[in-house]
Every structure is written in C-alpha cells, then in structure tokens.
C-alpha cells in the first residue's frame, strides 16, 4: 500500500497524509497520545498543524473509528471543534455534537471518534487566553471552562470560527510549502493568534446564556473506564467477560450497556480491537527474517490463526504478513 506524499517545514507548519494511525498521532509532538483503531475501516488520514506564539492549531481527519487516551501540553487549555457531523463522538464521558466545543483544562485526553471524523483542535497558552478574555470583558470565562468539559456553542459564531481556522491553515500551509511565493514571514504573526482567540471566545456563550445546558456524563462512564483501564493493563493476559465483571463487581448486562454507551461496542469486541492493534504495532517493528506472525499473534492471545487473520484483515485492510513485510527496513 503506497503512502501519500508528506510535507514538513521547520516545525511551525506541518502537513501529513498517512494510512497509519500511529504515524498520524506521532506527528502531534507536543501531546502525549496513543490512539487505537477500534472498528474495521481504512485509516486514511490527514494531519495539518500551524504554530504561532501562544497558539497551536491542528486539523485532523481519520477514516476509521479511533479511541485516544493521553495528555495535552502543560500550561495550556485545548478546545476541540468538529468540522463535520458524521456520528457519535464521546469526550471525557460526555456525548459531543457538531454545535459544541469540547474543553481540555486538566490535560487529560479521553476521546472516541466515529468513522470519517474531522476536527480542529486549538491549544492556547492559559495566560494569553485569559488576557484576551479580559480585553473582551469575559471575566466569566475561567469559571465557565472549569465547570464544563463540553460547552454548547453559539452556532453562528462557531461556524465563523471554523472559517477562520480553515483559512489560517490553508494560507500558512501554502506559505510553508512555497516560502518564496508569499510575503507572510514565519513565525506566524501574534495578531492573527489574537484574532483566532477572539473568535474562540465569541463562540463560547456567557454563563447566563440560554444556550448553556447542564450536561451529564453517561451513567455508566466510571464503570466502563474502570474495566477499560484493567483491560489495557492486561492485554497479554487471557480474560473472559466474567473476569471483567468480577473486577468491578457488576453483571454482564450492566457491563455491556456501559461499553455500548461509551464505545458503541461490546467489552470483548473492544478488548479484541486493542489486542489487534498491539499485534500490528509489534509487526511494524518486527523483522520478517527473524519474526513470525503466528508468534506475535499468540503473544496477544490469538491462538486460532484462521480467525485471527480474518479479524486482522477486516480491521486494517491487509493481512498480517503484508504488514510485517511492508514495514520491514
């Protein structure tokens, strides 16, 4: 499978297209993230990034359903904005919709996206954010952001912000790829960063706005996350559904409901998806002359090679032996 061309500049502007979810996530260097493909589908994706003083902007698009865990940069607040409306997204245990903004004040990343999802992420230095908020007479903003992880946005202002972000990315990516064909110097001007922050703040209604609603996380979020954490620490250990229920002292029915709430799939399907991703990561780092698919698969609990090969190809669109050869060298 051939890879699409990639373009990198000096770190202030970057663009990447890839068929590999790990490569896409690794390009977000100022975040500590791990993404796992949890449903079958092509992982064709795109990541674009521009960096200006106090503000970083990411545009990300991935073809498959992805579960992402990790942490954001220190001394920043991050905001996520969907750029299309294609399915159910979950952020920190809350369902997240097209006309909302998700907020990351505690640096914890806990995200599940649908297939073919596109989003902007704006990471803003805290001091700069609240300086601009003060200039906008929005001293309520700090309290608003502390109280909520998902905010009902002003739809018109949010659409204007999407346009601002899209235009900024296009302009500076073109400048980065063709530095002799533009009069816009790098690093990017701080005035533009302030304009984008103004647009972001205008999208977030004041606390007393009728747009604001009390958001509740899914009832079973804590249960699903407790079992997920146990799974991820025991991926190479045989686990049954009964084992998982005993970890948290719940019924199979309750656990099924919890996982469908948060991940749109059963606990055992979710466990299998993570194990398949671990096999893929190990095969990508393996040597065809010294490593065998069957040995790697067994390490992660797959003992029936026929079923394993079918599941692997359905998830990633290629056989495990192709993965082993394609990433060699």
Protein backbone atom coordinates (compact mmCIF):
# COMPACT_ATOMS: atom_id res chain seq x y z
CA UNK A 1 0.00 0.00 0.00
CA UNK A 2 1.71 3.20 -1.14
CA UNK A 3 1.86 6.17 1.17
CA UNK A 4 0.76 9.62 0.12
CA UNK A 5 3.36 12.39 -0.05
CA UNK A 6 4.19 14.16 3.20
CA UNK A 7 5.23 17.78 3.63
CA UNK A 8 7.14 19.11 6.65
CA UNK A 9 8.58 22.59 7.17
CA UNK A 10 10.67 23.89 10.07
CA UNK A 11 8.20 22.81 12.77
CA UNK A 12 5.98 25.92 12.65
CA UNK A 13 3.95 24.49 9.77
CA UNK A 14 3.40 20.81 9.04
CA UNK A 15 1.18 18.69 6.83
CA UNK A 16 0.94 14.91 6.73
CA UNK A 17 -1.13 12.29 4.93
CA UNK A 18 -0.84 8.68 6.02
CA UNK A 19 -2.57 5.30 6.03
CA UNK A 20 -1.18 4.58 9.51
CA UNK A 21 -2.90 5.90 12.65
CA UNK A 22 0.29 5.64 14.74
CA UNK A 23 2.19 7.83 12.28
CA UNK A 24 -0.57 10.46 12.33
CA UNK A 25 -0.69 10.61 16.13
CA UNK A 26 3.11 10.63 16.47
CA UNK A 27 3.19 13.83 14.39
CA UNK A 28 1.37 15.73 17.18
CA UNK A 29 4.65 16.14 19.02
CA UNK A 30 3.51 18.47 21.79
CA UNK A 31 0.85 15.99 23.01
CA UNK A 32 1.38 12.60 24.65
CA UNK A 33 -1.20 10.39 22.96
CA UNK A 34 -1.94 6.83 21.97
CA UNK A 35 -4.73 6.14 19.51
CA UNK A 36 -6.23 2.74 18.83
CA UNK A 37 -8.39 1.79 15.86
CA UNK A 38 -11.40 0.05 17.42
CA UNK A 39 -13.57 -0.65 14.37
CA UNK A 40 -12.70 -2.03 10.93
CA UNK A 41 -12.07 0.53 8.23
CA UNK A 42 -9.45 2.37 6.24
CA UNK A 43 -7.25 4.52 8.47
CA UNK A 44 -6.51 7.02 5.70
CA UNK A 45 -5.93 10.29 7.47
CA UNK A 46 -4.59 13.80 7.32
CA UNK A 47 -2.96 15.99 9.93
CA UNK A 48 -2.10 19.66 9.47
CA UNK A 49 -0.55 21.90 12.11
CA UNK A 50 0.39 25.54 12.39
CA UNK A 51 2.13 27.09 15.37
CA UNK A 52 2.14 30.75 16.37
CA UNK A 53 3.09 32.48 19.60
CA UNK A 54 0.86 31.09 22.35
CA UNK A 55 -1.43 29.19 19.97
CA UNK A 56 -1.21 25.90 18.09
CA UNK A 57 -3.86 24.75 15.62
CA UNK A 58 -4.38 21.20 14.42
CA UNK A 59 -6.69 19.92 11.73
CA UNK A 60 -7.12 16.14 11.90
CA UNK A 61 -9.11 13.75 9.75
CA UNK A 62 -9.11 9.97 10.16
CA UNK A 63 -11.16 7.46 8.19
CA UNK A 64 -11.71 4.94 10.97
CA UNK A 65 -13.20 4.93 14.48
CA UNK A 66 -10.45 5.79 16.95
CA UNK A 67 -10.07 5.70 20.73
CA UNK A 68 -7.48 8.17 22.01
CA UNK A 69 -6.02 8.43 25.52
CA UNK A 70 -3.20 10.59 26.82
CA UNK A 71 -2.43 14.12 27.94
CA UNK A 72 -2.08 17.60 26.49
CA UNK A 73 0.71 20.16 26.86
CA UNK A 74 1.23 21.85 30.26
CA UNK A 75 0.08 25.43 30.93
CA UNK A 76 -2.43 25.33 28.09
CA UNK A 77 -6.15 24.91 27.54
CA UNK A 78 -7.25 22.97 24.47
CA UNK A 79 -10.50 23.30 22.56
CA UNK A 80 -11.92 20.78 20.09
CA UNK A 81 -14.34 21.65 17.28
CA UNK A 82 -15.93 19.13 14.94
CA UNK A 83 -15.60 20.03 11.27
CA UNK A 84 -18.25 17.56 10.09
CA UNK A 85 -21.29 15.83 11.55
CA UNK A 86 -20.88 12.13 10.82
CA UNK A 87 -21.67 10.23 14.02
CA UNK A 88 -21.39 9.97 17.75
CA UNK A 89 -18.29 11.39 19.43
CA UNK A 90 -17.52 10.96 23.14
CA UNK A 91 -15.22 13.32 25.07
CA UNK A 92 -14.37 12.59 28.74
CA UNK A 93 -17.57 10.59 29.16
CA UNK A 94 -19.87 13.17 27.51
CA UNK A 95 -21.50 12.90 24.12
CA UNK A 96 -20.14 15.68 21.94
CA UNK A 97 -22.02 17.22 19.00
CA UNK A 98 -21.30 19.40 15.99
CA UNK A 99 -22.50 22.66 17.60
CA UNK A 100 -20.48 22.16 20.75
CA UNK A 101 -16.88 22.78 21.81
CA UNK A 102 -15.02 20.34 24.00
CA UNK A 103 -12.61 21.78 26.54
CA UNK A 104 -9.47 20.26 28.00
CA UNK A 105 -8.40 22.15 31.14
CA UNK A 106 -6.97 19.20 33.08
CA UNK A 107 -4.74 17.97 30.19
CA UNK A 108 -6.46 14.54 30.24
CA UNK A 109 -7.33 13.27 26.76
CA UNK A 110 -10.19 10.76 26.66
CA UNK A 111 -11.81 10.65 23.25
CA UNK A 112 -13.75 8.34 20.93
CA UNK A 113 -14.49 9.40 17.36
CA UNK A 114 -16.69 7.91 14.61
CA UNK A 115 -15.55 6.97 11.12
CA UNK A 116 -14.53 9.78 8.74
CA UNK A 117 -14.34 12.34 11.52
CA UNK A 118 -12.75 15.77 11.03
CA UNK A 119 -11.88 18.24 13.76
CA UNK A 120 -9.90 21.32 14.67
CA UNK A 121 -8.00 21.45 17.95
CA UNK A 122 -6.83 24.82 19.27
CA UNK A 123 -4.25 24.78 22.08
CA UNK A 124 -3.87 28.15 23.80
CA UNK A 125 -1.44 29.33 26.45
CA UNK A 126 -3.52 29.93 29.61
CA UNK A 127 -2.09 33.37 30.37
CA UNK A 128 -2.68 34.60 26.82
CA UNK A 129 -6.21 33.17 26.75
CA UNK A 130 -7.33 35.00 29.88
CA UNK A 131 -5.57 38.22 28.84
CA UNK A 132 -7.63 38.25 25.65
CA UNK A 133 -10.76 37.26 27.61
CA UNK A 134 -10.24 40.27 29.93
CA UNK A 135 -9.95 42.55 26.93
CA UNK A 136 -13.28 41.13 25.69
CA UNK A 137 -14.94 41.75 29.08
CA UNK A 138 -15.29 37.98 29.53
CA UNK A 139 -14.04 37.50 33.07
CA UNK A 140 -16.61 34.72 33.43
CA UNK A 141 -14.62 32.55 31.01
CA UNK A 142 -12.30 30.96 33.59
CA UNK A 143 -15.25 29.76 35.67
CA UNK A 144 -17.09 28.57 32.58
CA UNK A 145 -14.14 26.45 31.48
CA UNK A 146 -13.54 24.98 34.94
CA UNK A 147 -17.13 23.79 35.21
CA UNK A 148 -17.60 22.08 31.86
CA UNK A 149 -15.82 19.70 29.54
CA UNK A 150 -18.38 20.20 26.74
CA UNK A 151 -19.90 23.63 26.01
CA UNK A 152 -22.94 24.48 23.89
CA UNK A 153 -21.54 26.99 21.41
CA UNK A 154 -23.16 29.87 19.56
CA UNK A 155 -23.74 28.13 16.17
CA UNK A 156 -23.17 31.24 14.03
CA UNK A 157 -20.00 32.29 15.87
CA UNK A 158 -18.75 28.69 15.80
CA UNK A 159 -19.20 28.49 12.03
CA UNK A 160 -17.28 31.75 11.65
CA UNK A 161 -14.51 30.28 13.80
CA UNK A 162 -14.34 27.20 11.57
CA UNK A 163 -13.88 29.52 8.58
CA UNK A 164 -11.14 31.47 10.37
CA UNK A 165 -9.31 28.25 11.25
CA UNK A 166 -9.66 26.77 7.79
CA UNK A 167 -8.40 29.94 6.10
CA UNK A 168 -5.46 30.25 8.50
CA UNK A 169 -4.41 26.67 7.85
CA UNK A 170 -4.66 26.98 4.07
CA UNK A 171 -2.75 30.25 3.98
CA UNK A 172 0.12 29.19 6.22
CA UNK A 173 0.42 25.70 4.78
CA UNK A 174 0.80 27.28 1.36
CA UNK A 175 3.38 29.68 2.80
CA UNK A 176 5.26 26.83 4.43
CA UNK A 177 5.31 24.71 1.28
CA UNK A 178 6.18 27.64 -1.01
CA UNK A 179 8.20 30.07 1.15
CA UNK A 180 9.42 32.07 -1.85
CA UNK A 181 5.89 32.69 -3.12
CA UNK A 182 4.47 34.53 -0.11
CA UNK A 183 5.05 37.79 1.71
CA UNK A 184 3.91 36.27 5.06
CA UNK A 185 7.02 35.60 7.18
CA UNK A 186 7.38 32.81 9.74
CA UNK A 187 6.99 32.65 12.68
CA UNK A 188 3.33 33.48 12.28
CA UNK A 189 2.15 36.90 13.49
CA UNK A 190 0.77 37.19 17.04
CA UNK A 191 -2.05 39.48 15.86
CA UNK A 192 -3.57 36.58 13.95
CA UNK A 193 -3.35 34.42 17.07
CA UNK A 194 -5.34 37.03 18.99
CA UNK A 195 -7.94 37.17 16.22
CA UNK A 196 -8.41 33.43 16.46
CA UNK A 197 -8.69 33.57 20.26
CA UNK A 198 -11.30 36.34 19.95
CA UNK A 199 -13.26 34.09 17.58
CA UNK A 200 -12.99 31.20 20.01
CA UNK A 201 -14.20 33.30 22.96
CA UNK A 202 -17.13 34.66 20.94
CA UNK A 203 -18.19 31.06 20.24
CA UNK A 204 -18.47 30.33 23.97
CA UNK A 205 -21.64 31.97 25.36
CA UNK A 206 -21.61 33.57 28.81
CA UNK A 207 -22.75 31.52 31.80
CA UNK A 208 -26.21 33.11 31.80
CA UNK A 209 -26.85 32.39 28.11
CA UNK A 210 -29.90 30.35 27.17
CA UNK A 211 -27.60 28.21 25.02
CA UNK A 212 -25.95 26.72 28.08
CA UNK A 213 -27.44 23.46 29.31
CA UNK A 214 -26.41 21.21 32.15
CA UNK A 215 -24.53 18.29 30.61
CA UNK A 216 -24.43 14.94 32.32
CA UNK A 217 -21.93 12.20 31.58
CA UNK A 218 -23.19 8.74 30.72
CA UNK A 219 -24.39 6.99 33.88
CA UNK A 220 -22.03 4.06 33.44
CA UNK A 221 -18.91 6.01 32.37
CA UNK A 222 -16.97 5.21 35.54
CA UNK A 223 -17.77 1.51 35.25
CA UNK A 224 -16.64 1.33 31.60
CA UNK A 225 -13.45 3.28 32.30
CA UNK A 226 -12.53 1.09 35.28
CA UNK A 227 -12.83 -2.03 33.13
CA UNK A 228 -11.04 -0.35 30.21
CA UNK A 229 -8.08 0.51 32.47
CA UNK A 230 -7.91 -3.10 33.67
CA UNK A 231 -8.06 -4.37 30.07
CA UNK A 232 -5.24 -2.11 28.91
CA UNK A 233 -3.02 -3.30 31.76
CA UNK A 234 -3.75 -6.97 30.98
CA UNK A 235 -3.84 -7.12 27.18
CA UNK A 236 -1.46 -10.07 27.13
CA UNK A 237 -3.45 -11.98 29.78
CA UNK A 238 -6.38 -14.34 28.99
CA UNK A 239 -9.57 -12.53 30.02
CA UNK A 240 -13.19 -13.61 29.83
CA UNK A 241 -16.29 -11.46 30.14
CA UNK A 242 -16.85 -12.99 33.56
CA UNK A 243 -13.32 -11.99 34.60
CA UNK A 244 -14.03 -8.39 33.63
CA UNK A 245 -17.32 -8.36 35.52
CA UNK A 246 -15.62 -9.66 38.64
CA UNK A 247 -13.02 -6.87 38.50
CA UNK A 248 -15.70 -4.26 39.23
CA UNK A 249 -18.38 -6.47 40.77
CA UNK A 250 -21.04 -5.96 38.11
CA UNK A 251 -23.27 -8.04 35.86
CA UNK A 252 -22.57 -8.89 32.23
CA UNK A 253 -25.64 -6.92 31.22
CA UNK A 254 -24.51 -3.76 33.04
CA UNK A 255 -21.05 -4.01 31.53
CA UNK A 256 -22.47 -4.43 28.02
CA UNK A 257 -24.62 -1.32 28.47
CA UNK A 258 -21.64 0.66 29.80
CA UNK A 259 -19.41 -0.23 26.84
CA UNK A 260 -22.13 0.46 24.30
CA UNK A 261 -22.73 3.85 25.92
CA UNK A 262 -19.10 4.87 25.72
CA UNK A 263 -17.64 2.89 22.80
CA UNK A 264 -20.62 1.62 20.75
CA UNK A 265 -19.38 -1.96 21.07
CA UNK A 266 -19.26 -4.89 23.47
CA UNK A 267 -16.49 -5.32 26.07
CA UNK A 268 -14.98 -8.36 24.34
CA UNK A 269 -15.05 -6.71 20.90
CA UNK A 270 -13.29 -3.71 22.43
CA UNK A 271 -10.66 -5.96 24.01
CA UNK A 272 -10.08 -7.75 20.69
CA UNK A 273 -9.64 -4.42 18.89
CA UNK A 274 -6.91 -3.32 21.31
CA UNK A 275 -5.14 -6.67 21.01
CA UNK A 276 -5.22 -6.49 17.21
CA UNK A 277 -3.65 -3.03 17.39
CA UNK A 278 -0.90 -4.37 19.64
CA UNK A 279 -0.19 -7.14 17.13
CA UNK A 280 0.00 -4.55 14.34
CA UNK A 281 2.40 -2.32 16.28
CA UNK A 282 4.66 -5.27 17.02
CA UNK A 283 4.59 -6.47 13.40
CA UNK A 284 5.53 -2.98 12.20
CA UNK A 285 8.63 -3.11 14.40
CA UNK A 286 9.49 -6.74 13.59
CA UNK A 287 11.95 -8.29 11.12
CA UNK A 288 10.48 -10.74 8.57
CA UNK A 289 13.61 -12.90 8.70
CA UNK A 290 13.52 -13.27 12.49
CA UNK A 291 9.87 -12.88 13.49
CA UNK A 292 6.77 -14.87 12.60
CA UNK A 293 3.18 -13.65 12.54
CA UNK A 294 2.00 -16.70 14.46
CA UNK A 295 4.38 -15.98 17.36
CA UNK A 296 3.36 -12.33 17.62
CA UNK A 297 -0.34 -13.21 17.44
CA UNK A 298 -0.05 -15.76 20.24
CA UNK A 299 1.66 -13.20 22.47
CA UNK A 300 -1.56 -11.18 22.36
CA UNK A 301 -3.97 -14.04 22.90
CA UNK A 302 -4.76 -15.12 19.32
CA UNK A 303 -4.36 -18.88 19.03
CA UNK A 304 -6.64 -19.68 16.08
CA UNK A 305 -4.71 -18.34 13.10
CA UNK A 306 -7.61 -18.59 10.67
CA UNK A 307 -9.92 -16.47 12.81
CA UNK A 308 -7.08 -14.10 13.67
CA UNK A 309 -6.17 -13.47 10.01
CA UNK A 310 -9.80 -12.75 9.10
CA UNK A 311 -10.20 -10.33 12.03
CA UNK A 312 -6.89 -8.60 11.30
CA UNK A 313 -7.63 -8.08 7.61
CA UNK A 314 -11.15 -6.83 8.39
CA UNK A 315 -9.73 -4.30 10.86
CA UNK A 316 -6.74 -2.98 8.90
CA UNK A 317 -7.46 -3.85 5.27
CA UNK A 318 -4.42 -6.07 4.81
CA UNK A 319 -3.13 -9.42 6.02
CA UNK A 320 -0.70 -9.54 8.97
CA UNK A 321 2.03 -10.96 6.73
CA UNK A 322 1.70 -7.92 4.44
CA UNK A 323 2.10 -5.61 7.46
CA UNK A 324 5.21 -7.49 8.51
CA UNK A 325 6.80 -7.15 5.05
CA UNK A 326 5.59 -3.61 4.30
CA UNK A 327 7.22 -2.01 7.34
CA UNK A 328 10.44 -4.04 7.15
CA UNK A 329 13.58 -1.96 6.79
